[in-house]
N, C-alpha and C. Protein backbone atom coordinates (compact mmCIF):
# COMPACT_ATOMS: atom_id res chain seq x y z
N MET A 1 -30.14 21.07 -38.88
CA MET A 1 -30.32 22.35 -39.56
C MET A 1 -31.60 23.02 -39.07
N CYS A 2 -31.48 24.31 -38.83
CA CYS A 2 -32.64 25.09 -38.44
C CYS A 2 -33.50 25.33 -39.69
N PRO A 3 -34.80 25.08 -39.63
CA PRO A 3 -35.64 25.29 -40.82
C PRO A 3 -35.86 26.75 -41.17
N VAL A 4 -35.60 27.66 -40.25
CA VAL A 4 -35.85 29.07 -40.50
C VAL A 4 -34.62 29.76 -41.10
N CYS A 5 -33.48 29.67 -40.42
CA CYS A 5 -32.29 30.40 -40.87
C CYS A 5 -31.30 29.54 -41.64
N GLU A 6 -31.57 28.21 -41.73
CA GLU A 6 -30.76 27.27 -42.50
C GLU A 6 -29.32 27.14 -42.00
N HIS A 7 -29.10 27.39 -40.72
CA HIS A 7 -27.80 27.18 -40.10
C HIS A 7 -27.86 25.90 -39.27
N ALA A 8 -26.69 25.40 -38.88
CA ALA A 8 -26.65 24.28 -37.94
C ALA A 8 -27.29 24.75 -36.63
N LEU A 9 -27.90 23.82 -35.90
CA LEU A 9 -28.63 24.21 -34.70
C LEU A 9 -27.76 24.92 -33.67
N ASP A 10 -26.48 24.55 -33.57
CA ASP A 10 -25.60 25.23 -32.62
C ASP A 10 -25.18 26.62 -33.09
N GLN A 11 -25.42 26.94 -34.38
CA GLN A 11 -25.09 28.25 -34.93
C GLN A 11 -26.35 29.02 -35.36
N CYS A 12 -27.50 28.60 -34.88
CA CYS A 12 -28.78 29.19 -35.25
C CYS A 12 -28.84 30.66 -34.84
N ILE A 13 -29.32 31.50 -35.76
CA ILE A 13 -29.42 32.94 -35.48
C ILE A 13 -30.85 33.38 -35.22
N CYS A 14 -31.78 32.45 -35.21
CA CYS A 14 -33.19 32.81 -35.03
C CYS A 14 -33.47 33.37 -33.64
N GLY A 15 -32.80 32.86 -32.62
CA GLY A 15 -33.03 33.31 -31.26
C GLY A 15 -32.40 34.65 -30.96
N THR A 16 -31.61 35.18 -31.87
CA THR A 16 -30.91 36.44 -31.64
C THR A 16 -31.54 37.55 -32.46
N GLU A 17 -32.83 37.77 -32.26
CA GLU A 17 -33.57 38.76 -33.04
C GLU A 17 -33.03 40.17 -32.87
N ASP A 18 -32.55 40.51 -31.68
CA ASP A 18 -32.10 41.86 -31.41
C ASP A 18 -30.63 42.07 -31.73
N GLU A 19 -29.93 41.04 -32.13
CA GLU A 19 -28.51 41.13 -32.41
C GLU A 19 -28.28 41.62 -33.84
N ILE A 20 -27.36 42.56 -34.02
CA ILE A 20 -27.03 43.05 -35.36
C ILE A 20 -26.20 41.98 -36.05
N LEU A 21 -26.60 41.63 -37.27
CA LEU A 21 -26.02 40.48 -37.96
C LEU A 21 -24.79 40.83 -38.79
N GLY A 22 -24.80 41.91 -39.53
CA GLY A 22 -23.71 42.23 -40.45
C GLY A 22 -22.68 43.16 -39.85
N SER A 23 -21.55 43.28 -40.55
CA SER A 23 -20.45 44.11 -40.06
C SER A 23 -20.59 45.57 -40.48
N GLY A 24 -21.41 45.86 -41.47
CA GLY A 24 -21.56 47.22 -41.94
C GLY A 24 -20.81 47.49 -43.24
N ASN A 25 -19.95 46.57 -43.66
CA ASN A 25 -19.26 46.68 -44.94
C ASN A 25 -20.15 46.08 -46.02
N VAL A 26 -21.16 46.82 -46.45
CA VAL A 26 -22.20 46.29 -47.33
C VAL A 26 -21.62 46.06 -48.73
N ARG A 27 -21.85 44.86 -49.24
CA ARG A 27 -21.38 44.46 -50.57
C ARG A 27 -22.56 43.95 -51.38
N ILE A 28 -22.55 44.26 -52.68
CA ILE A 28 -23.58 43.76 -53.59
C ILE A 28 -22.89 42.87 -54.62
N TRP A 29 -23.32 41.61 -54.71
CA TRP A 29 -22.74 40.62 -55.62
C TRP A 29 -23.78 40.15 -56.61
N LEU A 30 -23.32 39.72 -57.77
CA LEU A 30 -24.18 39.00 -58.72
C LEU A 30 -23.69 37.57 -58.76
N GLU A 31 -24.56 36.64 -58.40
CA GLU A 31 -24.20 35.22 -58.40
C GLU A 31 -25.00 34.49 -59.47
N THR A 32 -24.30 33.65 -60.24
CA THR A 32 -24.97 32.80 -61.21
C THR A 32 -24.59 31.34 -61.01
N LYS A 33 -23.55 31.08 -60.26
CA LYS A 33 -23.05 29.73 -60.07
C LYS A 33 -24.08 28.87 -59.32
N GLY A 34 -24.37 27.71 -59.88
CA GLY A 34 -25.32 26.79 -59.27
C GLY A 34 -26.77 27.18 -59.45
N ARG A 35 -27.04 28.10 -60.35
CA ARG A 35 -28.41 28.58 -60.56
C ARG A 35 -28.84 28.44 -62.02
N ASN A 36 -28.21 27.53 -62.74
CA ASN A 36 -28.52 27.29 -64.15
C ASN A 36 -28.40 28.55 -65.00
N GLY A 37 -27.42 29.39 -64.70
CA GLY A 37 -27.15 30.58 -65.49
C GLY A 37 -28.01 31.78 -65.16
N LYS A 38 -28.97 31.61 -64.27
CA LYS A 38 -29.84 32.73 -63.90
C LYS A 38 -29.19 33.52 -62.78
N GLY A 39 -29.14 34.81 -62.92
CA GLY A 39 -28.46 35.66 -61.95
C GLY A 39 -29.32 36.02 -60.76
N VAL A 40 -28.68 36.12 -59.62
CA VAL A 40 -29.32 36.57 -58.39
C VAL A 40 -28.40 37.61 -57.77
N THR A 41 -28.93 38.76 -57.42
CA THR A 41 -28.15 39.80 -56.77
C THR A 41 -28.21 39.57 -55.27
N VAL A 42 -27.04 39.52 -54.63
CA VAL A 42 -26.95 39.22 -53.20
C VAL A 42 -26.39 40.44 -52.47
N VAL A 43 -27.09 40.87 -51.43
CA VAL A 43 -26.64 41.98 -50.59
C VAL A 43 -26.13 41.37 -49.29
N LYS A 44 -24.85 41.62 -48.97
CA LYS A 44 -24.21 41.01 -47.81
C LYS A 44 -23.77 42.06 -46.81
N GLU A 45 -23.67 41.64 -45.56
CA GLU A 45 -23.10 42.42 -44.45
C GLU A 45 -23.90 43.67 -44.07
N LEU A 46 -25.21 43.63 -44.18
CA LEU A 46 -26.02 44.76 -43.72
C LEU A 46 -26.05 44.79 -42.19
N PRO A 47 -25.80 45.94 -41.59
CA PRO A 47 -25.76 46.03 -40.12
C PRO A 47 -27.17 46.18 -39.54
N LEU A 48 -27.97 45.12 -39.64
CA LEU A 48 -29.36 45.17 -39.20
C LEU A 48 -29.68 43.92 -38.39
N THR A 49 -30.75 44.01 -37.59
CA THR A 49 -31.25 42.82 -36.90
C THR A 49 -32.03 41.98 -37.91
N HIS A 50 -32.40 40.77 -37.51
CA HIS A 50 -33.10 39.87 -38.43
C HIS A 50 -34.44 40.44 -38.87
N SER A 51 -35.19 41.04 -37.95
CA SER A 51 -36.50 41.60 -38.31
C SER A 51 -36.34 42.81 -39.23
N GLU A 52 -35.33 43.64 -38.99
CA GLU A 52 -35.07 44.78 -39.87
C GLU A 52 -34.64 44.31 -41.26
N LEU A 53 -33.87 43.21 -41.31
CA LEU A 53 -33.42 42.64 -42.57
C LEU A 53 -34.61 42.16 -43.39
N GLU A 54 -35.56 41.51 -42.74
CA GLU A 54 -36.78 41.04 -43.43
C GLU A 54 -37.57 42.23 -43.99
N LYS A 55 -37.70 43.28 -43.20
CA LYS A 55 -38.45 44.46 -43.64
C LYS A 55 -37.76 45.13 -44.83
N LEU A 56 -36.43 45.29 -44.75
CA LEU A 56 -35.69 45.92 -45.83
C LEU A 56 -35.77 45.07 -47.10
N ALA A 57 -35.70 43.75 -46.97
CA ALA A 57 -35.79 42.87 -48.13
C ALA A 57 -37.12 43.06 -48.85
N LYS A 58 -38.17 43.17 -48.10
CA LYS A 58 -39.50 43.37 -48.70
C LYS A 58 -39.55 44.70 -49.47
N GLU A 59 -38.97 45.74 -48.89
CA GLU A 59 -38.97 47.04 -49.55
C GLU A 59 -38.09 47.05 -50.79
N LEU A 60 -36.94 46.35 -50.73
CA LEU A 60 -36.04 46.29 -51.89
C LEU A 60 -36.67 45.50 -53.03
N LYS A 61 -37.35 44.41 -52.71
CA LYS A 61 -38.03 43.62 -53.74
C LYS A 61 -39.10 44.46 -54.42
N LYS A 62 -39.81 45.25 -53.64
CA LYS A 62 -40.86 46.10 -54.19
C LYS A 62 -40.27 47.18 -55.09
N SER A 63 -39.16 47.78 -54.68
CA SER A 63 -38.55 48.85 -55.48
C SER A 63 -37.95 48.31 -56.77
N CYS A 64 -37.49 47.05 -56.76
CA CYS A 64 -36.92 46.44 -57.97
C CYS A 64 -38.00 45.80 -58.84
N GLY A 65 -39.18 45.57 -58.27
CA GLY A 65 -40.25 44.95 -59.03
C GLY A 65 -40.00 43.48 -59.33
N THR A 66 -39.37 42.79 -58.38
CA THR A 66 -39.03 41.39 -58.60
C THR A 66 -39.09 40.63 -57.27
N GLY A 67 -38.87 39.35 -57.34
CA GLY A 67 -38.91 38.51 -56.15
C GLY A 67 -37.56 38.41 -55.48
N GLY A 68 -37.53 37.71 -54.37
CA GLY A 68 -36.30 37.51 -53.65
C GLY A 68 -36.57 36.88 -52.31
N ALA A 69 -35.53 36.78 -51.49
CA ALA A 69 -35.67 36.15 -50.18
C ALA A 69 -34.51 36.57 -49.28
N VAL A 70 -34.69 36.33 -47.99
CA VAL A 70 -33.60 36.48 -47.02
C VAL A 70 -33.06 35.08 -46.77
N LYS A 71 -31.79 34.88 -47.04
CA LYS A 71 -31.14 33.59 -46.82
C LYS A 71 -30.05 33.79 -45.77
N GLY A 72 -30.31 33.36 -44.56
CA GLY A 72 -29.36 33.55 -43.47
C GLY A 72 -29.23 35.02 -43.13
N VAL A 73 -28.07 35.62 -43.42
CA VAL A 73 -27.83 37.04 -43.13
C VAL A 73 -27.75 37.86 -44.42
N ASN A 74 -28.08 37.25 -45.57
CA ASN A 74 -28.00 37.91 -46.87
C ASN A 74 -29.39 38.12 -47.46
N ILE A 75 -29.51 39.14 -48.28
CA ILE A 75 -30.74 39.36 -49.04
C ILE A 75 -30.45 38.97 -50.48
N GLU A 76 -31.29 38.10 -51.06
CA GLU A 76 -31.15 37.71 -52.46
C GLU A 76 -32.32 38.29 -53.24
N ILE A 77 -32.01 39.00 -54.32
CA ILE A 77 -33.00 39.59 -55.20
C ILE A 77 -32.82 38.98 -56.58
N GLN A 78 -33.90 38.54 -57.20
CA GLN A 78 -33.82 37.88 -58.50
C GLN A 78 -33.37 38.85 -59.58
N GLY A 79 -32.48 38.36 -60.46
CA GLY A 79 -32.01 39.14 -61.59
C GLY A 79 -30.83 40.03 -61.25
N ASP A 80 -30.33 40.73 -62.26
CA ASP A 80 -29.20 41.65 -62.07
C ASP A 80 -29.76 43.02 -61.68
N GLN A 81 -29.82 43.27 -60.39
CA GLN A 81 -30.40 44.51 -59.85
C GLN A 81 -29.35 45.34 -59.14
N ARG A 82 -28.08 45.16 -59.49
CA ARG A 82 -27.00 45.80 -58.73
C ARG A 82 -27.11 47.32 -58.71
N GLN A 83 -27.35 47.94 -59.85
CA GLN A 83 -27.40 49.41 -59.90
C GLN A 83 -28.60 49.97 -59.13
N LYS A 84 -29.76 49.32 -59.25
CA LYS A 84 -30.94 49.77 -58.51
C LYS A 84 -30.72 49.65 -57.01
N LEU A 85 -30.13 48.52 -56.59
CA LEU A 85 -29.89 48.32 -55.17
C LEU A 85 -28.83 49.26 -54.63
N LEU A 86 -27.81 49.53 -55.44
CA LEU A 86 -26.77 50.48 -55.04
C LEU A 86 -27.38 51.85 -54.78
N ALA A 87 -28.22 52.32 -55.69
CA ALA A 87 -28.86 53.62 -55.53
C ALA A 87 -29.81 53.63 -54.33
N GLU A 88 -30.59 52.58 -54.17
CA GLU A 88 -31.57 52.53 -53.09
C GLU A 88 -30.91 52.46 -51.71
N LEU A 89 -29.88 51.63 -51.58
CA LEU A 89 -29.21 51.51 -50.28
C LEU A 89 -28.39 52.75 -49.95
N THR A 90 -27.80 53.39 -50.96
CA THR A 90 -27.07 54.63 -50.73
C THR A 90 -28.03 55.72 -50.27
N LYS A 91 -29.21 55.76 -50.87
CA LYS A 91 -30.23 56.73 -50.49
C LYS A 91 -30.67 56.52 -49.04
N ARG A 92 -30.63 55.27 -48.57
CA ARG A 92 -31.03 54.96 -47.20
C ARG A 92 -29.90 55.16 -46.20
N GLY A 93 -28.71 55.59 -46.67
CA GLY A 93 -27.63 55.93 -45.77
C GLY A 93 -26.59 54.86 -45.53
N PHE A 94 -26.64 53.76 -46.29
CA PHE A 94 -25.63 52.72 -46.14
C PHE A 94 -24.43 53.03 -47.02
N SER A 95 -23.26 52.62 -46.57
CA SER A 95 -22.05 52.72 -47.37
C SER A 95 -21.93 51.41 -48.15
N VAL A 96 -22.11 51.46 -49.48
CA VAL A 96 -22.25 50.26 -50.28
C VAL A 96 -21.19 50.22 -51.36
N LYS A 97 -20.67 49.00 -51.65
CA LYS A 97 -19.72 48.81 -52.74
C LYS A 97 -20.17 47.63 -53.57
N LEU A 98 -19.97 47.72 -54.89
CA LEU A 98 -20.19 46.60 -55.77
C LEU A 98 -18.99 45.68 -55.66
N ALA A 99 -19.22 44.39 -55.58
CA ALA A 99 -18.14 43.42 -55.42
C ALA A 99 -18.36 42.26 -56.38
N GLY A 100 -17.32 41.48 -56.58
CA GLY A 100 -17.42 40.32 -57.46
C GLY A 100 -17.39 40.72 -58.91
N GLY A 101 -17.49 39.71 -59.79
CA GLY A 101 -17.41 39.87 -61.23
C GLY A 101 -18.06 41.05 -61.73
């Protein structure tokens, strides 16, 4: 396992900094499974490079006023922040849909 992107070494995405990771079909999920009932909002399929993803995650955490992290190709923000993230990403020009429960 790669310690940075948490993928198997043959599927590591760390060396592909300039490669766009997501498909562009941006989805926002609320996940609670395996987290002791605490919700985490997950943003999936952003059409950005890894460095752009890190920068956007920092800005989204700041706008929501909460913590979070980049896990692989997804951004995880603590708590139920779906509406704030929907508004913020739409304002930035992404086509976003709420998905899941």
